Full PDB file with SEQRES, HELIX, SHEET, SSBOND, CRYST1, ORIGX, SCALE, CONECT and MASTER records, all heavy atoms in Angstrom:
SEQRES   1 A   40  PRO ALA GLY THR ARG VAL ILE ASP ALA GLY GLY LEU LEU          
SEQRES   2 A   40  VAL THR PRO GLY PHE ILE ASP PRO HIS THR HIS SER ASP          
SEQRES   3 A   40  VAL VAL PRO PHE MET ALA GLU PRO GLN PRO PHE LYS LEU          
SEQRES   4 A   40  LEU                                                          
HELIX    1 AA1 VAL A   28  PHE A   30  5                                   3    
CRYST1    1.000    1.000    1.000  90.00  90.00  90.00 P 1           1          
ORIGX1      1.000000  0.000000  0.000000        0.00000                         
ORIGX2      0.000000  1.000000  0.000000        0.00000                         
ORIGX3      0.000000  0.000000  1.000000        0.00000                         
SCALE1      1.000000  0.000000  0.000000        0.00000                         
SCALE2      0.000000  1.000000  0.000000        0.00000                         
SCALE3      0.000000  0.000000  1.000000        0.00000                         
ATOM      1  N   PRO A   1     112.585 126.847  99.331  1.00  0.00           N  
ATOM      2  CA  PRO A   1     112.515 126.782  97.875  1.00  0.00           C  
ATOM      3  C   PRO A   1     111.302 127.644  97.431  1.00  0.00           C  
ATOM      4  O   PRO A   1     110.274 127.720  98.011  1.00  0.00           O  
ATOM      5  CB  PRO A   1     112.245 125.283  97.550  1.00  0.00           C  
ATOM      6  CG  PRO A   1     112.758 124.578  98.723  1.00  0.00           C  
ATOM      7  CD  PRO A   1     112.520 125.546  99.918  1.00  0.00           C  
ATOM      8  N   ALA A   2     111.453 128.200  96.160  1.00  0.00           N  
ATOM      9  CA  ALA A   2     110.340 128.895  95.590  1.00  0.00           C  
ATOM     10  C   ALA A   2     109.097 127.929  95.282  1.00  0.00           C  
ATOM     11  O   ALA A   2     109.381 126.637  95.064  1.00  0.00           O  
ATOM     12  CB  ALA A   2     110.855 129.392  94.152  1.00  0.00           C  
ATOM     13  N   GLY A   3     107.948 128.421  95.385  1.00  0.00           N  
ATOM     14  CA  GLY A   3     106.740 127.655  95.247  1.00  0.00           C  
ATOM     15  C   GLY A   3     106.380 126.927  96.418  1.00  0.00           C  
ATOM     16  O   GLY A   3     105.243 126.188  96.373  1.00  0.00           O  
ATOM     17  N   THR A   4     107.043 126.984  97.484  1.00  0.00           N  
ATOM     18  CA  THR A   4     106.626 126.387  98.767  1.00  0.00           C  
ATOM     19  C   THR A   4     105.263 126.900  99.291  1.00  0.00           C  
ATOM     20  O   THR A   4     105.106 128.119  99.405  1.00  0.00           O  
ATOM     21  CB  THR A   4     107.746 126.447  99.821  1.00  0.00           C  
ATOM     22  OG1 THR A   4     108.899 125.837  99.327  1.00  0.00           O  
ATOM     23  CG2 THR A   4     107.301 125.746 101.139  1.00  0.00           C  
ATOM     24  N   ARG A   5     104.366 125.999  99.558  1.00  0.00           N  
ATOM     25  CA  ARG A   5     103.139 126.417 100.246  1.00  0.00           C  
ATOM     26  C   ARG A   5     103.373 126.811 101.726  1.00  0.00           C  
ATOM     27  O   ARG A   5     104.202 126.059 102.376  1.00  0.00           O  
ATOM     28  CB  ARG A   5     102.189 125.243 100.185  1.00  0.00           C  
ATOM     29  CG  ARG A   5     100.756 125.586 100.858  1.00  0.00           C  
ATOM     30  CD  ARG A   5      99.733 124.463 100.749  1.00  0.00           C  
ATOM     31  NE  ARG A   5      98.538 124.758 101.311  1.00  0.00           N  
ATOM     32  CZ  ARG A   5      97.459 123.830 101.387  1.00  0.00           C  
ATOM     33  NH1 ARG A   5      97.613 122.647 100.859  1.00  0.00           N  
ATOM     34  NH2 ARG A   5      96.432 124.213 101.960  1.00  0.00           N  
ATOM     35  N   VAL A   6     102.820 127.894 102.190  1.00  0.00           N  
ATOM     36  CA  VAL A   6     103.089 128.373 103.533  1.00  0.00           C  
ATOM     37  C   VAL A   6     101.800 128.333 104.336  1.00  0.00           C  
ATOM     38  O   VAL A   6     100.685 128.745 104.002  1.00  0.00           O  
ATOM     39  CB  VAL A   6     103.582 129.840 103.489  1.00  0.00           C  
ATOM     40  CG1 VAL A   6     103.673 130.317 104.865  1.00  0.00           C  
ATOM     41  CG2 VAL A   6     104.851 129.857 102.639  1.00  0.00           C  
ATOM     42  N   ILE A   7     102.011 127.810 105.579  1.00  0.00           N  
ATOM     43  CA  ILE A   7     100.923 127.757 106.613  1.00  0.00           C  
ATOM     44  C   ILE A   7     101.412 128.705 107.706  1.00  0.00           C  
ATOM     45  O   ILE A   7     102.489 128.634 108.297  1.00  0.00           O  
ATOM     46  CB  ILE A   7     100.810 126.337 107.239  1.00  0.00           C  
ATOM     47  CG1 ILE A   7     100.123 125.368 106.178  1.00  0.00           C  
ATOM     48  CG2 ILE A   7      99.770 126.446 108.400  1.00  0.00           C  
ATOM     49  CD1 ILE A   7     100.117 124.008 106.581  1.00  0.00           C  
ATOM     50  N   ASP A   8     100.621 129.716 107.905  1.00  0.00           N  
ATOM     51  CA  ASP A   8     100.902 130.692 109.027  1.00  0.00           C  
ATOM     52  C   ASP A   8     100.544 130.142 110.348  1.00  0.00           C  
ATOM     53  O   ASP A   8      99.297 129.977 110.668  1.00  0.00           O  
ATOM     54  CB  ASP A   8     100.195 132.043 108.721  1.00  0.00           C  
ATOM     55  CG  ASP A   8     100.518 133.157 109.755  1.00  0.00           C  
ATOM     56  OD1 ASP A   8     101.365 132.858 110.639  1.00  0.00           O  
ATOM     57  OD2 ASP A   8      99.891 134.157 109.604  1.00  0.00           O  
ATOM     58  N   ALA A   9     101.432 129.798 111.276  1.00  0.00           N  
ATOM     59  CA  ALA A   9     101.202 129.299 112.525  1.00  0.00           C  
ATOM     60  C   ALA A   9     101.479 130.251 113.621  1.00  0.00           C  
ATOM     61  O   ALA A   9     101.609 129.830 114.772  1.00  0.00           O  
ATOM     62  CB  ALA A   9     102.112 127.997 112.713  1.00  0.00           C  
ATOM     63  N   GLY A  10     101.439 131.480 113.368  1.00  0.00           N  
ATOM     64  CA  GLY A  10     101.704 132.570 114.357  1.00  0.00           C  
ATOM     65  C   GLY A  10     100.613 132.414 115.448  1.00  0.00           C  
ATOM     66  O   GLY A  10      99.415 132.329 115.298  1.00  0.00           O  
ATOM     67  N   GLY A  11     101.150 132.406 116.696  1.00  0.00           N  
ATOM     68  CA  GLY A  11     100.214 132.313 117.822  1.00  0.00           C  
ATOM     69  C   GLY A  11      99.745 130.816 118.136  1.00  0.00           C  
ATOM     70  O   GLY A  11      98.950 130.596 119.023  1.00  0.00           O  
ATOM     71  N   LEU A  12     100.234 129.916 117.335  1.00  0.00           N  
ATOM     72  CA  LEU A  12      99.780 128.564 117.504  1.00  0.00           C  
ATOM     73  C   LEU A  12     100.849 127.610 117.862  1.00  0.00           C  
ATOM     74  O   LEU A  12     102.116 127.963 117.721  1.00  0.00           O  
ATOM     75  CB  LEU A  12      99.156 128.055 116.115  1.00  0.00           C  
ATOM     76  CG  LEU A  12      98.053 128.952 115.506  1.00  0.00           C  
ATOM     77  CD1 LEU A  12      97.580 128.446 114.170  1.00  0.00           C  
ATOM     78  CD2 LEU A  12      96.826 129.014 116.447  1.00  0.00           C  
ATOM     79  N   LEU A  13     100.526 126.436 118.299  1.00  0.00           N  
ATOM     80  CA  LEU A  13     101.432 125.327 118.676  1.00  0.00           C  
ATOM     81  C   LEU A  13     101.711 124.456 117.472  1.00  0.00           C  
ATOM     82  O   LEU A  13     100.728 124.065 116.764  1.00  0.00           O  
ATOM     83  CB  LEU A  13     100.986 124.524 119.755  1.00  0.00           C  
ATOM     84  CG  LEU A  13     100.680 125.259 121.093  1.00  0.00           C  
ATOM     85  CD1 LEU A  13     100.243 124.264 122.201  1.00  0.00           C  
ATOM     86  CD2 LEU A  13     102.058 125.892 121.730  1.00  0.00           C  
ATOM     87  N   VAL A  14     102.918 124.137 117.193  1.00  0.00           N  
ATOM     88  CA  VAL A  14     103.112 123.127 116.070  1.00  0.00           C  
ATOM     89  C   VAL A  14     103.718 121.919 116.673  1.00  0.00           C  
ATOM     90  O   VAL A  14     104.750 122.063 117.385  1.00  0.00           O  
ATOM     91  CB  VAL A  14     104.172 123.754 115.022  1.00  0.00           C  
ATOM     92  CG1 VAL A  14     104.394 122.763 113.899  1.00  0.00           C  
ATOM     93  CG2 VAL A  14     103.553 125.047 114.513  1.00  0.00           C  
ATOM     94  N   THR A  15     103.205 120.775 116.533  1.00  0.00           N  
ATOM     95  CA  THR A  15     103.573 119.599 117.202  1.00  0.00           C  
ATOM     96  C   THR A  15     103.726 118.405 116.262  1.00  0.00           C  
ATOM     97  O   THR A  15     103.232 118.389 115.069  1.00  0.00           O  
ATOM     98  CB  THR A  15     102.587 119.118 118.295  1.00  0.00           C  
ATOM     99  OG1 THR A  15     101.405 118.576 117.695  1.00  0.00           O  
ATOM    100  CG2 THR A  15     102.144 120.332 119.088  1.00  0.00           C  
ATOM    101  N   PRO A  16     104.326 117.246 116.528  1.00  0.00           N  
ATOM    102  CA  PRO A  16     104.211 116.078 115.780  1.00  0.00           C  
ATOM    103  C   PRO A  16     102.764 115.650 115.803  1.00  0.00           C  
ATOM    104  O   PRO A  16     101.982 116.014 116.704  1.00  0.00           O  
ATOM    105  CB  PRO A  16     105.046 115.023 116.533  1.00  0.00           C  
ATOM    106  CG  PRO A  16     105.968 115.875 117.459  1.00  0.00           C  
ATOM    107  CD  PRO A  16     105.239 117.080 117.770  1.00  0.00           C  
ATOM    108  N   GLY A  17     102.395 114.967 114.751  1.00  0.00           N  
ATOM    109  CA  GLY A  17     100.961 114.395 114.713  1.00  0.00           C  
ATOM    110  C   GLY A  17     100.871 113.477 115.859  1.00  0.00           C  
ATOM    111  O   GLY A  17     101.697 112.761 116.264  1.00  0.00           O  
ATOM    112  N   PHE A  18      99.587 113.483 116.431  1.00  0.00           N  
ATOM    113  CA  PHE A  18      99.364 112.589 117.681  1.00  0.00           C  
ATOM    114  C   PHE A  18      99.321 111.167 117.201  1.00  0.00           C  
ATOM    115  O   PHE A  18      98.808 110.827 116.103  1.00  0.00           O  
ATOM    116  CB  PHE A  18      98.128 113.133 118.313  1.00  0.00           C  
ATOM    117  CG  PHE A  18      98.157 114.535 118.768  1.00  0.00           C  
ATOM    118  CD1 PHE A  18      96.919 115.230 118.870  1.00  0.00           C  
ATOM    119  CD2 PHE A  18      99.392 115.164 119.041  1.00  0.00           C  
ATOM    120  CE1 PHE A  18      97.027 116.610 119.326  1.00  0.00           C  
ATOM    121  CE2 PHE A  18      99.403 116.523 119.381  1.00  0.00           C  
ATOM    122  CZ  PHE A  18      98.227 117.132 119.529  1.00  0.00           C  
ATOM    123  N   ILE A  19      99.796 110.319 118.123  1.00  0.00           N  
ATOM    124  CA  ILE A  19      99.644 108.816 117.884  1.00  0.00           C  
ATOM    125  C   ILE A  19      98.770 108.225 118.851  1.00  0.00           C  
ATOM    126  O   ILE A  19      98.930 108.475 120.081  1.00  0.00           O  
ATOM    127  CB  ILE A  19     101.154 108.283 117.983  1.00  0.00           C  
ATOM    128  CG1 ILE A  19     102.059 108.711 116.917  1.00  0.00           C  
ATOM    129  CG2 ILE A  19     101.082 106.722 117.987  1.00  0.00           C  
ATOM    130  CD1 ILE A  19     103.482 108.458 117.167  1.00  0.00           C  
ATOM    131  N   ASP A  20      97.766 107.653 118.484  1.00  0.00           N  
ATOM    132  CA  ASP A  20      96.794 107.066 119.389  1.00  0.00           C  
ATOM    133  C   ASP A  20      97.051 105.588 119.501  1.00  0.00           C  
ATOM    134  O   ASP A  20      96.837 104.742 118.524  1.00  0.00           O  
ATOM    135  CB  ASP A  20      95.353 107.196 118.815  1.00  0.00           C  
ATOM    136  CG  ASP A  20      94.273 106.878 119.832  1.00  0.00           C  
ATOM    137  OD1 ASP A  20      94.571 106.149 120.765  1.00  0.00           O  
ATOM    138  OD2 ASP A  20      93.141 107.297 119.712  1.00  0.00           O  
ATOM    139  N   PRO A  21      97.679 105.158 120.746  1.00  0.00           N  
ATOM    140  CA  PRO A  21      98.107 103.775 120.696  1.00  0.00           C  
ATOM    141  C   PRO A  21      96.985 102.716 121.056  1.00  0.00           C  
ATOM    142  O   PRO A  21      97.305 101.470 120.969  1.00  0.00           O  
ATOM    143  CB  PRO A  21      99.094 103.786 121.913  1.00  0.00           C  
ATOM    144  CG  PRO A  21      98.591 104.891 122.793  1.00  0.00           C  
ATOM    145  CD  PRO A  21      97.951 105.884 121.874  1.00  0.00           C  
ATOM    146  N   HIS A  22      95.860 103.295 121.362  1.00  0.00           N  
ATOM    147  CA  HIS A  22      94.799 102.254 121.770  1.00  0.00           C  
ATOM    148  C   HIS A  22      93.428 102.691 121.058  1.00  0.00           C  
ATOM    149  O   HIS A  22      92.727 103.555 121.546  1.00  0.00           O  
ATOM    150  CB  HIS A  22      94.619 102.278 123.213  1.00  0.00           C  
ATOM    151  CG  HIS A  22      93.718 101.088 123.650  1.00  0.00           C  
ATOM    152  ND1 HIS A  22      94.284  99.831 124.173  1.00  0.00           N  
ATOM    153  CD2 HIS A  22      92.453 100.897 123.653  1.00  0.00           C  
ATOM    154  CE1 HIS A  22      93.349  99.032 124.356  1.00  0.00           C  
ATOM    155  NE2 HIS A  22      92.218  99.658 124.098  1.00  0.00           N  
ATOM    156  N   THR A  23      93.237 101.986 119.932  1.00  0.00           N  
ATOM    157  CA  THR A  23      91.956 102.325 119.249  1.00  0.00           C  
ATOM    158  C   THR A  23      91.304 101.046 118.689  1.00  0.00           C  
ATOM    159  O   THR A  23      91.954  99.980 118.761  1.00  0.00           O  
ATOM    160  CB  THR A  23      92.214 103.165 117.950  1.00  0.00           C  
ATOM    161  OG1 THR A  23      92.548 102.345 116.836  1.00  0.00           O  
ATOM    162  CG2 THR A  23      93.302 104.240 118.139  1.00  0.00           C  
ATOM    163  N   HIS A  24      90.027 101.155 118.428  1.00  0.00           N  
ATOM    164  CA  HIS A  24      89.255 100.101 117.717  1.00  0.00           C  
ATOM    165  C   HIS A  24      88.749 100.528 116.474  1.00  0.00           C  
ATOM    166  O   HIS A  24      87.551 100.293 116.154  1.00  0.00           O  
ATOM    167  CB  HIS A  24      88.258  99.625 118.712  1.00  0.00           C  
ATOM    168  CG  HIS A  24      88.757  99.035 120.090  1.00  0.00           C  
ATOM    169  ND1 HIS A  24      89.250  97.728 120.152  1.00  0.00           N  
ATOM    170  CD2 HIS A  24      88.970  99.567 121.280  1.00  0.00           C  
ATOM    171  CE1 HIS A  24      89.685  97.532 121.386  1.00  0.00           C  
ATOM    172  NE2 HIS A  24      89.497  98.637 121.958  1.00  0.00           N  
ATOM    173  N   SER A  25      89.626 101.190 115.651  1.00  0.00           N  
ATOM    174  CA  SER A  25      89.140 101.682 114.376  1.00  0.00           C  
ATOM    175  C   SER A  25      89.405 100.617 113.142  1.00  0.00           C  
ATOM    176  O   SER A  25      89.583 101.040 112.017  1.00  0.00           O  
ATOM    177  CB  SER A  25      89.967 102.971 114.064  1.00  0.00           C  
ATOM    178  OG  SER A  25      89.613 104.018 114.891  1.00  0.00           O  
ATOM    179  N   ASP A  26      89.513  99.346 113.616  1.00  0.00           N  
ATOM    180  CA  ASP A  26      90.049  98.351 112.655  1.00  0.00           C  
ATOM    181  C   ASP A  26      89.213  98.386 111.347  1.00  0.00           C  
ATOM    182  O   ASP A  26      89.815  98.117 110.211  1.00  0.00           O  
ATOM    183  CB  ASP A  26      89.934  96.949 113.212  1.00  0.00           C  
ATOM    184  CG  ASP A  26      90.647  96.851 114.568  1.00  0.00           C  
ATOM    185  OD1 ASP A  26      90.280  97.534 115.542  1.00  0.00           O  
ATOM    186  OD2 ASP A  26      91.585  96.077 114.675  1.00  0.00           O  
ATOM    187  N   VAL A  27      87.903  98.520 111.421  1.00  0.00           N  
ATOM    188  CA  VAL A  27      87.065  98.468 110.160  1.00  0.00           C  
ATOM    189  C   VAL A  27      86.667  99.879 109.622  1.00  0.00           C  
ATOM    190  O   VAL A  27      86.106  99.996 108.540  1.00  0.00           O  
ATOM    191  CB  VAL A  27      85.815  97.636 110.421  1.00  0.00           C  
ATOM    192  CG1 VAL A  27      86.247  96.199 110.826  1.00  0.00           C  
ATOM    193  CG2 VAL A  27      84.847  98.272 111.373  1.00  0.00           C  
ATOM    194  N   VAL A  28      87.180 100.921 110.346  1.00  0.00           N  
ATOM    195  CA  VAL A  28      86.766 102.290 109.939  1.00  0.00           C  
ATOM    196  C   VAL A  28      87.322 102.555 108.364  1.00  0.00           C  
ATOM    197  O   VAL A  28      86.430 103.168 107.645  1.00  0.00           O  
ATOM    198  CB  VAL A  28      87.364 103.341 110.849  1.00  0.00           C  
ATOM    199  CG1 VAL A  28      87.294 104.678 110.310  1.00  0.00           C  
ATOM    200  CG2 VAL A  28      86.678 103.273 112.233  1.00  0.00           C  
ATOM    201  N   PRO A  29      88.388 102.082 107.991  1.00  0.00           N  
ATOM    202  CA  PRO A  29      88.769 102.328 106.601  1.00  0.00           C  
ATOM    203  C   PRO A  29      87.809 101.786 105.508  1.00  0.00           C  
ATOM    204  O   PRO A  29      87.899 102.255 104.415  1.00  0.00           O  
ATOM    205  CB  PRO A  29      90.219 101.706 106.477  1.00  0.00           C  
ATOM    206  CG  PRO A  29      90.716 101.600 107.882  1.00  0.00           C  
ATOM    207  CD  PRO A  29      89.583 101.510 108.732  1.00  0.00           C  
ATOM    208  N   PHE A  30      87.030 100.797 105.964  1.00  0.00           N  
ATOM    209  CA  PHE A  30      86.115 100.210 104.978  1.00  0.00           C  
ATOM    210  C   PHE A  30      84.746 100.961 104.929  1.00  0.00           C  
ATOM    211  O   PHE A  30      83.875 100.551 104.112  1.00  0.00           O  
ATOM    212  CB  PHE A  30      85.916  98.717 105.347  1.00  0.00           C  
ATOM    213  CG  PHE A  30      87.222  97.938 105.426  1.00  0.00           C  
ATOM    214  CD1 PHE A  30      87.620  97.445 106.593  1.00  0.00           C  
ATOM    215  CD2 PHE A  30      88.017  97.765 104.316  1.00  0.00           C  
ATOM    216  CE1 PHE A  30      88.820  96.732 106.720  1.00  0.00           C  
ATOM    217  CE2 PHE A  30      89.224  97.064 104.459  1.00  0.00           C  
ATOM    218  CZ  PHE A  30      89.614  96.560 105.679  1.00  0.00           C  
ATOM    219  N   MET A  31      84.517 101.887 105.723  1.00  0.00           N  
ATOM    220  CA  MET A  31      83.241 102.573 105.729  1.00  0.00           C  
ATOM    221  C   MET A  31      83.240 103.434 104.373  1.00  0.00           C  
ATOM    222  O   MET A  31      84.172 103.870 103.876  1.00  0.00           O  
ATOM    223  CB  MET A  31      83.150 103.543 106.952  1.00  0.00           C  
ATOM    224  CG  MET A  31      83.050 102.839 108.166  1.00  0.00           C  
ATOM    225  SD  MET A  31      83.143 103.765 109.753  1.00  0.00           S  
ATOM    226  CE  MET A  31      81.445 104.405 109.742  1.00  0.00           C  
ATOM    227  N   ALA A  32      81.939 103.590 103.893  1.00  0.00           N  
ATOM    228  CA  ALA A  32      81.756 104.159 102.603  1.00  0.00           C  
ATOM    229  C   ALA A  32      82.375 105.569 102.462  1.00  0.00           C  
ATOM    230  O   ALA A  32      82.989 105.899 101.413  1.00  0.00           O  
ATOM    231  CB  ALA A  32      80.237 104.244 102.295  1.00  0.00           C  
ATOM    232  N   GLU A  33      82.261 106.347 103.511  1.00  0.00           N  
ATOM    233  CA  GLU A  33      82.811 107.728 103.412  1.00  0.00           C  
ATOM    234  C   GLU A  33      84.020 107.769 104.306  1.00  0.00           C  
ATOM    235  O   GLU A  33      84.109 107.180 105.267  1.00  0.00           O  
ATOM    236  CB  GLU A  33      81.820 108.776 103.941  1.00  0.00           C  
ATOM    237  CG  GLU A  33      80.469 108.887 103.076  1.00  0.00           C  
ATOM    238  CD  GLU A  33      80.737 109.236 101.675  1.00  0.00           C  
ATOM    239  OE1 GLU A  33      81.615 110.138 101.547  1.00  0.00           O  
ATOM    240  OE2 GLU A  33      80.058 108.785 100.768  1.00  0.00           O  
ATOM    241  N   PRO A  34      84.932 108.637 103.947  1.00  0.00           N  
ATOM    242  CA  PRO A  34      86.165 108.864 104.774  1.00  0.00           C  
ATOM    243  C   PRO A  34      85.730 109.411 106.175  1.00  0.00           C  
ATOM    244  O   PRO A  34      84.897 110.239 106.211  1.00  0.00           O  
ATOM    245  CB  PRO A  34      87.049 109.852 104.075  1.00  0.00           C  
ATOM    246  CG  PRO A  34      86.168 110.489 103.024  1.00  0.00           C  
ATOM    247  CD  PRO A  34      85.117 109.493 102.757  1.00  0.00           C  
ATOM    248  N   GLN A  35      86.431 108.889 107.209  1.00  0.00           N  
ATOM    249  CA  GLN A  35      85.969 109.341 108.559  1.00  0.00           C  
ATOM    250  C   GLN A  35      87.027 110.242 109.241  1.00  0.00           C  
ATOM    251  O   GLN A  35      88.169 109.729 109.558  1.00  0.00           O  
ATOM    252  CB  GLN A  35      85.793 108.116 109.429  1.00  0.00           C  
ATOM    253  CG  GLN A  35      84.725 107.147 108.841  1.00  0.00           C  
ATOM    254  CD  GLN A  35      83.350 107.784 108.885  1.00  0.00           C  
ATOM    255  OE1 GLN A  35      82.893 108.430 109.817  1.00  0.00           O  
ATOM    256  NE2 GLN A  35      82.667 107.642 107.778  1.00  0.00           N  
ATOM    257  N   PRO A  36      86.876 111.509 109.319  1.00  0.00           N  
ATOM    258  CA  PRO A  36      87.862 112.433 109.796  1.00  0.00           C  
ATOM    259  C   PRO A  36      87.882 112.718 111.276  1.00  0.00           C  
ATOM    260  O   PRO A  36      88.532 113.523 111.806  1.00  0.00           O  
ATOM    261  CB  PRO A  36      87.533 113.790 109.056  1.00  0.00           C  
ATOM    262  CG  PRO A  36      85.968 113.663 109.033  1.00  0.00           C  
ATOM    263  CD  PRO A  36      85.650 112.331 108.823  1.00  0.00           C  
ATOM    264  N   PHE A  37      87.179 111.886 112.091  1.00  0.00           N  
ATOM    265  CA  PHE A  37      87.022 112.001 113.506  1.00  0.00           C  
ATOM    266  C   PHE A  37      88.364 112.063 114.288  1.00  0.00           C  
ATOM    267  O   PHE A  37      88.393 112.810 115.289  1.00  0.00           O  
ATOM    268  CB  PHE A  37      86.039 111.011 114.176  1.00  0.00           C  
ATOM    269  CG  PHE A  37      86.499 109.571 114.209  1.00  0.00           C  
ATOM    270  CD1 PHE A  37      86.616 108.985 115.407  1.00  0.00           C  
ATOM    271  CD2 PHE A  37      86.847 108.976 112.971  1.00  0.00           C  
ATOM    272  CE1 PHE A  37      87.094 107.697 115.440  1.00  0.00           C  
ATOM    273  CE2 PHE A  37      87.248 107.619 113.176  1.00  0.00           C  
ATOM    274  CZ  PHE A  37      87.388 106.992 114.352  1.00  0.00           C  
ATOM    275  N   LYS A  38      89.306 111.419 113.824  1.00  0.00           N  
ATOM    276  CA  LYS A  38      90.608 111.509 114.409  1.00  0.00           C  
ATOM    277  C   LYS A  38      91.525 112.700 113.957  1.00  0.00           C  
ATOM    278  O   LYS A  38      92.141 113.332 114.627  1.00  0.00           O  
ATOM    279  CB  LYS A  38      91.384 110.135 114.341  1.00  0.00           C  
ATOM    280  CG  LYS A  38      90.864 109.100 115.291  1.00  0.00           C  
ATOM    281  CD  LYS A  38      90.985 109.397 116.606  1.00  0.00           C  
ATOM    282  CE  LYS A  38      90.485 108.287 117.583  1.00  0.00           C  
ATOM    283  NZ  LYS A  38      91.277 107.050 117.382  1.00  0.00           N  
ATOM    284  N   LEU A  39      91.468 112.840 112.607  1.00  0.00           N  
ATOM    285  CA  LEU A  39      92.157 114.014 112.026  1.00  0.00           C  
ATOM    286  C   LEU A  39      91.798 115.301 112.680  1.00  0.00           C  
ATOM    287  O   LEU A  39      92.616 116.144 112.848  1.00  0.00           O  
ATOM    288  CB  LEU A  39      92.008 114.082 110.509  1.00  0.00           C  
ATOM    289  CG  LEU A  39      92.378 112.768 109.773  1.00  0.00           C  
ATOM    290  CD1 LEU A  39      92.099 112.912 108.225  1.00  0.00           C  
ATOM    291  CD2 LEU A  39      93.952 112.515 109.867  1.00  0.00           C  
ATOM    292  N   LEU A  40      90.532 115.436 112.947  1.00  0.00           N  
ATOM    293  CA  LEU A  40      90.038 116.674 113.547  1.00  0.00           C  
ATOM    294  C   LEU A  40      90.638 116.916 114.998  1.00  0.00           C  
ATOM    295  O   LEU A  40      90.397 117.995 115.510  1.00  0.00           O  
ATOM    296  CB  LEU A  40      88.545 116.778 113.447  1.00  0.00           C  
ATOM    297  CG  LEU A  40      87.975 116.868 112.000  1.00  0.00           C  
ATOM    298  CD1 LEU A  40      86.386 116.594 112.128  1.00  0.00           C  
ATOM    299  CD2 LEU A  40      88.256 118.234 111.387  1.00  0.00           C  
TER     300      LEU A  40                                                      
MASTER        0    0    0    1    0    0    0    6  299    1    0    4          
END                                                                             
């Protein structure tokens, strides 16, 4: 469709987002600043 944002992935791998089945991030959402350590 027109207006679609494009990400150029040439030379890169495109995968499903990773699922971490074993974490102890239970209280991380309550930290004052967003924590990107898993997104990165």
